[in-house]
Amino acid sequence: MRDVFDLAKFFIKNGEDYMPNTFNGNMNLQKLLVLADHVNIAEYGEPLFNDQVLDFKNERVISAR
């Protein structure tokens, strides 16, 4: 299992964090993390990281320690 922070750092390092330190930038990063987790489950049958995915009315977010 990977650490969710390492995956977030990967996305930021590769330019996916185009609105840093904003609510929308954080939500876009959260969406990328959730999408990566779901793709890994679909492809390999196991989650990408141990952190819990929380469902809210309009968003899904990662509950990191």
PDB file of N, CA and C in Angstrom:
ATOM      1  N   MET A   1       0.829  -1.182   0.000  1.00  0.00           N
ATOM      2  CA  MET A   1       0.000   0.000   0.000  1.00  0.00           C
ATOM      3  C   MET A   1       0.878   1.252   0.000  1.00  0.00           C
ATOM      4  N   ARG A   2       0.446   2.219  -0.737  1.00  0.00           N
ATOM      5  CA  ARG A   2       1.148   3.503  -0.786  1.00  0.00           C
ATOM      6  C   ARG A   2       0.562   4.456   0.254  1.00  0.00           C
ATOM      7  N   ASP A   3       1.331   5.469   0.566  1.00  0.00           N
ATOM      8  CA  ASP A   3       0.856   6.507   1.463  1.00  0.00           C
ATOM      9  C   ASP A   3       0.145   7.568   0.630  1.00  0.00           C
ATOM     10  N   VAL A   4      -1.014   8.026   1.073  1.00  0.00           N
ATOM     11  CA  VAL A   4      -1.797   9.006   0.318  1.00  0.00           C
ATOM     12  C   VAL A   4      -1.024  10.311   0.137  1.00  0.00           C
ATOM     13  N   PHE A   5      -0.170  10.646   1.088  1.00  0.00           N
ATOM     14  CA  PHE A   5       0.619  11.873   0.968  1.00  0.00           C
ATOM     15  C   PHE A   5       1.651  11.759  -0.152  1.00  0.00           C
ATOM     16  N   ASP A   6       2.226  10.566  -0.330  1.00  0.00           N
ATOM     17  CA  ASP A   6       3.175  10.365  -1.427  1.00  0.00           C
ATOM     18  C   ASP A   6       2.480  10.515  -2.772  1.00  0.00           C
ATOM     19  N   LEU A   7       1.272  10.000  -2.877  1.00  0.00           N
ATOM     20  CA  LEU A   7       0.522  10.128  -4.122  1.00  0.00           C
ATOM     21  C   LEU A   7       0.132  11.587  -4.371  1.00  0.00           C
ATOM     22  N   ALA A   8      -0.242  12.309  -3.330  1.00  0.00           N
ATOM     23  CA  ALA A   8      -0.566  13.734  -3.476  1.00  0.00           C
ATOM     24  C   ALA A   8       0.677  14.513  -3.918  1.00  0.00           C
ATOM     25  N   LYS A   9       1.832  14.193  -3.347  1.00  0.00           N
ATOM     26  CA  LYS A   9       3.077  14.846  -3.747  1.00  0.00           C
ATOM     27  C   LYS A   9       3.386  14.560  -5.217  1.00  0.00           C
ATOM     28  N   PHE A  10       3.101  13.337  -5.663  1.00  0.00           N
ATOM     29  CA  PHE A  10       3.313  12.978  -7.065  1.00  0.00           C
ATOM     30  C   PHE A  10       2.460  13.858  -7.979  1.00  0.00           C
ATOM     31  N   PHE A  11       1.177  14.014  -7.650  1.00  0.00           N
ATOM     32  CA  PHE A  11       0.294  14.853  -8.460  1.00  0.00           C
ATOM     33  C   PHE A  11       0.757  16.308  -8.463  1.00  0.00           C
ATOM     34  N   ILE A  12       1.171  16.816  -7.313  1.00  0.00           N
ATOM     35  CA  ILE A  12       1.630  18.200  -7.219  1.00  0.00           C
ATOM     36  C   ILE A  12       2.915  18.392  -8.016  1.00  0.00           C
ATOM     37  N   LYS A  13       3.838  17.444  -7.882  1.00  0.00           N
ATOM     38  CA  LYS A  13       5.118  17.533  -8.594  1.00  0.00           C
ATOM     39  C   LYS A  13       4.932  17.522 -10.109  1.00  0.00           C
ATOM     40  N   ASN A  14       3.909  16.818 -10.581  1.00  0.00           N
ATOM     41  CA  ASN A  14       3.672  16.696 -12.015  1.00  0.00           C
ATOM     42  C   ASN A  14       2.688  17.743 -12.540  1.00  0.00           C
ATOM     43  N   GLY A  15       2.497  18.814 -11.781  1.00  0.00           N
ATOM     44  CA  GLY A  15       1.742  19.959 -12.269  1.00  0.00           C
ATOM     45  C   GLY A  15       0.236  19.851 -12.203  1.00  0.00           C
ATOM     46  N   GLU A  16      -0.291  18.903 -11.465  1.00  0.00           N
ATOM     47  CA  GLU A  16      -1.745  18.772 -11.366  1.00  0.00           C
ATOM     48  C   GLU A  16      -2.349  19.741 -10.353  1.00  0.00           C
ATOM     49  N   ASP A  17      -1.523  20.383  -9.559  1.00  0.00           N
ATOM     50  CA  ASP A  17      -1.999  21.334  -8.565  1.00  0.00           C
ATOM     51  C   ASP A  17      -1.865  22.741  -9.138  1.00  0.00           C
ATOM     52  N   TYR A  18      -2.742  23.069 -10.080  1.00  0.00           N
ATOM     53  CA  TYR A  18      -2.623  24.343 -10.777  1.00  0.00           C
ATOM     54  C   TYR A  18      -3.254  25.500 -10.021  1.00  0.00           C
ATOM     55  N   MET A  19      -3.943  25.238  -8.932  1.00  0.00           N
ATOM     56  CA  MET A  19      -4.497  26.297  -8.074  1.00  0.00           C
ATOM     57  C   MET A  19      -4.108  26.010  -6.624  1.00  0.00           C
ATOM     58  N   PRO A  20      -2.818  26.122  -6.289  1.00  0.00           N
ATOM     59  CA  PRO A  20      -2.399  25.748  -4.936  1.00  0.00           C
ATOM     60  C   PRO A  20      -2.981  26.675  -3.865  1.00  0.00           C
ATOM     61  N   ASN A  21      -3.180  26.086  -2.710  1.00  0.00           N
ATOM     62  CA  ASN A  21      -3.652  26.824  -1.525  1.00  0.00           C
ATOM     63  C   ASN A  21      -4.998  27.492  -1.720  1.00  0.00           C
ATOM     64  N   THR A  22      -5.872  26.866  -2.493  1.00  0.00           N
ATOM     65  CA  THR A  22      -7.251  27.344  -2.636  1.00  0.00           C
ATOM     66  C   THR A  22      -8.193  26.182  -2.387  1.00  0.00           C
ATOM     67  N   PHE A  23      -9.441  26.493  -2.117  1.00  0.00           N
ATOM     68  CA  PHE A  23     -10.438  25.446  -1.907  1.00  0.00           C
ATOM     69  C   PHE A  23     -10.599  24.599  -3.166  1.00  0.00           C
ATOM     70  N   ASN A  24     -10.710  25.260  -4.320  1.00  0.00           N
ATOM     71  CA  ASN A  24     -10.891  24.509  -5.567  1.00  0.00           C
ATOM     72  C   ASN A  24      -9.667  23.661  -5.897  1.00  0.00           C
ATOM     73  N   GLY A  25      -8.490  24.168  -5.613  1.00  0.00           N
ATOM     74  CA  GLY A  25      -7.279  23.389  -5.837  1.00  0.00           C
ATOM     75  C   GLY A  25      -7.241  22.153  -4.958  1.00  0.00           C
ATOM     76  N   ASN A  26      -7.655  22.312  -3.700  1.00  0.00           N
ATOM     77  CA  ASN A  26      -7.704  21.170  -2.786  1.00  0.00           C
ATOM     78  C   ASN A  26      -8.743  20.149  -3.251  1.00  0.00           C
ATOM     79  N   MET A  27      -9.896  20.614  -3.675  1.00  0.00           N
ATOM     80  CA  MET A  27     -10.936  19.692  -4.134  1.00  0.00           C
ATOM     81  C   MET A  27     -10.500  18.944  -5.396  1.00  0.00           C
ATOM     82  N   ASN A  28      -9.796  19.627  -6.300  1.00  0.00           N
ATOM     83  CA  ASN A  28      -9.298  18.945  -7.495  1.00  0.00           C
ATOM     84  C   ASN A  28      -8.280  17.867  -7.127  1.00  0.00           C
ATOM     85  N   LEU A  29      -7.419  18.159  -6.163  1.00  0.00           N
ATOM     86  CA  LEU A  29      -6.456  17.168  -5.704  1.00  0.00           C
ATOM     87  C   LEU A  29      -7.167  15.993  -5.046  1.00  0.00           C
ATOM     88  N   GLN A  30      -8.196  16.277  -4.252  1.00  0.00           N
ATOM     89  CA  GLN A  30      -8.980  15.208  -3.629  1.00  0.00           C
ATOM     90  C   GLN A  30      -9.642  14.326  -4.689  1.00  0.00           C
ATOM     91  N   LYS A  31     -10.187  14.943  -5.727  1.00  0.00           N
ATOM     92  CA  LYS A  31     -10.830  14.179  -6.802  1.00  0.00           C
ATOM     93  C   LYS A  31      -9.827  13.275  -7.508  1.00  0.00           C
ATOM     94  N   LEU A  32      -8.621  13.781  -7.741  1.00  0.00           N
ATOM     95  CA  LEU A  32      -7.583  12.963  -8.371  1.00  0.00           C
ATOM     96  C   LEU A  32      -7.207  11.774  -7.494  1.00  0.00           C
ATOM     97  N   LEU A  33      -7.106  11.992  -6.197  1.00  0.00           N
ATOM     98  CA  LEU A  33      -6.765  10.904  -5.282  1.00  0.00           C
ATOM     99  C   LEU A  33      -7.854   9.840  -5.246  1.00  0.00           C
ATOM    100  N   VAL A  34      -9.107  10.280  -5.181  1.00  0.00           N
ATOM    101  CA  VAL A  34     -10.223   9.330  -5.158  1.00  0.00           C
ATOM    102  C   VAL A  34     -10.293   8.574  -6.477  1.00  0.00           C
ATOM    103  N   LEU A  35     -10.123   9.269  -7.590  1.00  0.00           N
ATOM    104  CA  LEU A  35     -10.152   8.625  -8.899  1.00  0.00           C
ATOM    105  C   LEU A  35      -9.031   7.595  -9.027  1.00  0.00           C
ATOM    106  N   ALA A  36      -7.832   7.949  -8.590  1.00  0.00           N
ATOM    107  CA  ALA A  36      -6.709   7.008  -8.649  1.00  0.00           C
ATOM    108  C   ALA A  36      -7.004   5.774  -7.808  1.00  0.00           C
ATOM    109  N   ASP A  37      -7.612   5.958  -6.649  1.00  0.00           N
ATOM    110  CA  ASP A  37      -7.974   4.833  -5.789  1.00  0.00           C
ATOM    111  C   ASP A  37      -9.000   3.935  -6.471  1.00  0.00           C
ATOM    112  N   HIS A  38     -10.022   4.528  -7.088  1.00  0.00           N
ATOM    113  CA  HIS A  38     -11.066   3.735  -7.756  1.00  0.00           C
ATOM    114  C   HIS A  38     -10.533   2.993  -8.977  1.00  0.00           C
ATOM    115  N   VAL A  39      -9.647   3.636  -9.713  1.00  0.00           N
ATOM    116  CA  VAL A  39      -9.054   2.969 -10.880  1.00  0.00           C
ATOM    117  C   VAL A  39      -8.222   1.781 -10.428  1.00  0.00           C
ATOM    118  N   ASN A  40      -7.458   1.946  -9.349  1.00  0.00           N
ATOM    119  CA  ASN A  40      -6.646   0.841  -8.853  1.00  0.00           C
ATOM    120  C   ASN A  40      -7.517  -0.318  -8.369  1.00  0.00           C
ATOM    121  N   ILE A  41      -8.639  -0.001  -7.723  1.00  0.00           N
ATOM    122  CA  ILE A  41      -9.564  -1.055  -7.283  1.00  0.00           C
ATOM    123  C   ILE A  41     -10.143  -1.780  -8.489  1.00  0.00           C
ATOM    124  N   ALA A  42     -10.531  -1.042  -9.526  1.00  0.00           N
ATOM    125  CA  ALA A  42     -11.099  -1.656 -10.725  1.00  0.00           C
ATOM    126  C   ALA A  42     -10.077  -2.529 -11.458  1.00  0.00           C
ATOM    127  N   GLU A  43      -8.824  -2.071 -11.514  1.00  0.00           N
ATOM    128  CA  GLU A  43      -7.805  -2.800 -12.266  1.00  0.00           C
ATOM    129  C   GLU A  43      -7.216  -3.972 -11.488  1.00  0.00           C
ATOM    130  N   TYR A  44      -6.938  -3.758 -10.197  1.00  0.00           N
ATOM    131  CA  TYR A  44      -6.194  -4.757  -9.429  1.00  0.00           C
ATOM    132  C   TYR A  44      -6.967  -5.355  -8.261  1.00  0.00           C
ATOM    133  N   GLY A  45      -8.165  -4.849  -7.986  1.00  0.00           N
ATOM    134  CA  GLY A  45      -8.997  -5.417  -6.936  1.00  0.00           C
ATOM    135  C   GLY A  45      -8.608  -5.027  -5.525  1.00  0.00           C
ATOM    136  N   GLU A  46      -7.751  -4.039  -5.367  1.00  0.00           N
ATOM    137  CA  GLU A  46      -7.374  -3.594  -4.028  1.00  0.00           C
ATOM    138  C   GLU A  46      -7.177  -2.086  -4.019  1.00  0.00           C
ATOM    139  N   PRO A  47      -7.413  -1.452  -2.873  1.00  0.00           N
ATOM    140  CA  PRO A  47      -7.247   0.003  -2.810  1.00  0.00           C
ATOM    141  C   PRO A  47      -5.787   0.409  -2.951  1.00  0.00           C
ATOM    142  N   LEU A  48      -5.580   1.629  -3.379  1.00  0.00           N
ATOM    143  CA  LEU A  48      -4.239   2.158  -3.591  1.00  0.00           C
ATOM    144  C   LEU A  48      -3.574   2.551  -2.277  1.00  0.00           C
ATOM    145  N   PHE A  49      -4.382   2.951  -1.289  1.00  0.00           N
ATOM    146  CA  PHE A  49      -3.856   3.353   0.011  1.00  0.00           C
ATOM    147  C   PHE A  49      -4.848   2.969   1.088  1.00  0.00           C
ATOM    148  N   ASN A  50      -4.376   2.960   2.329  1.00  0.00           N
ATOM    149  CA  ASN A  50      -5.200   2.509   3.459  1.00  0.00           C
ATOM    150  C   ASN A  50      -6.162   3.562   3.978  1.00  0.00           C
ATOM    151  N   ASP A  51      -5.959   4.814   3.623  1.00  0.00           N
ATOM    152  CA  ASP A  51      -6.798   5.879   4.161  1.00  0.00           C
ATOM    153  C   ASP A  51      -8.235   5.741   3.671  1.00  0.00           C
ATOM    154  N   GLN A  52      -9.152   6.135   4.515  1.00  0.00           N
ATOM    155  CA  GLN A  52     -10.579   5.993   4.247  1.00  0.00           C
ATOM    156  C   GLN A  52     -11.084   7.085   3.304  1.00  0.00           C
ATOM    157  N   VAL A  53     -11.975   6.700   2.384  1.00  0.00           N
ATOM    158  CA  VAL A  53     -12.630   7.671   1.500  1.00  0.00           C
ATOM    159  C   VAL A  53     -13.980   8.005   2.124  1.00  0.00           C
ATOM    160  N   LEU A  54     -14.201   9.292   2.409  1.00  0.00           N
ATOM    161  CA  LEU A  54     -15.446   9.731   3.034  1.00  0.00           C
ATOM    162  C   LEU A  54     -16.378  10.311   1.980  1.00  0.00           C
ATOM    163  N   ASP A  55     -17.646   9.969   2.079  1.00  0.00           N
ATOM    164  CA  ASP A  55     -18.659  10.486   1.161  1.00  0.00           C
ATOM    165  C   ASP A  55     -19.433  11.621   1.819  1.00  0.00           C
ATOM    166  N   PHE A  56     -19.517  12.721   1.101  1.00  0.00           N
ATOM    167  CA  PHE A  56     -20.328  13.845   1.523  1.00  0.00           C
ATOM    168  C   PHE A  56     -21.371  14.105   0.440  1.00  0.00           C
ATOM    169  N   LYS A  57     -22.205  15.085   0.638  1.00  0.00           N
ATOM    170  CA  LYS A  57     -23.301  15.344  -0.285  1.00  0.00           C
ATOM    171  C   LYS A  57     -22.799  15.585  -1.713  1.00  0.00           C
ATOM    172  N   ASN A  58     -21.796  16.418  -1.877  1.00  0.00           N
ATOM    173  CA  ASN A  58     -21.337  16.769  -3.214  1.00  0.00           C
ATOM    174  C   ASN A  58     -19.922  16.308  -3.531  1.00  0.00           C
ATOM    175  N   GLU A  59     -19.219  15.766  -2.582  1.00  0.00           N
ATOM    176  CA  GLU A  59     -17.813  15.420  -2.786  1.00  0.00           C
ATOM    177  C   GLU A  59     -17.457  14.122  -2.086  1.00  0.00           C
ATOM    178  N   ARG A  60     -16.351  13.554  -2.492  1.00  0.00           N
ATOM    179  CA  ARG A  60     -15.720  12.449  -1.789  1.00  0.00           C
ATOM    180  C   ARG A  60     -14.318  12.931  -1.458  1.00  0.00           C
ATOM    181  N   VAL A  61     -13.883  12.706  -0.241  1.00  0.00           N
ATOM    182  CA  VAL A  61     -12.562  13.155   0.178  1.00  0.00           C
ATOM    183  C   VAL A  61     -11.840  12.035   0.911  1.00  0.00           C
ATOM    184  N   ILE A  62     -10.532  12.169   0.994  1.00  0.00           N
ATOM    185  CA  ILE A  62      -9.702  11.208   1.672  1.00  0.00           C
ATOM    186  C   ILE A  62      -9.511  11.669   3.116  1.00  0.00           C
ATOM    187  N   SER A  63      -9.737  10.750   4.044  1.00  0.00           N
ATOM    188  CA  SER A  63      -9.526  11.053   5.455  1.00  0.00           C
ATOM    189  C   SER A  63      -8.101  10.639   5.802  1.00  0.00           C
ATOM    190  N   ALA A  64      -7.198  11.586   5.772  1.00  0.00           N
ATOM    191  CA  ALA A  64      -5.803  11.300   6.099  1.00  0.00           C
ATOM    192  C   ALA A  64      -5.579  11.562   7.581  1.00  0.00           C
ATOM    193  N   ARG A  65      -4.851  10.702   8.178  1.00  0.00           N
ATOM    194  CA  ARG A  65      -4.543  10.736   9.607  1.00  0.00           C
ATOM    195  C   ARG A  65      -4.824  12.042  10.208  1.00  0.00           C
TER     196      ARG A  65
END
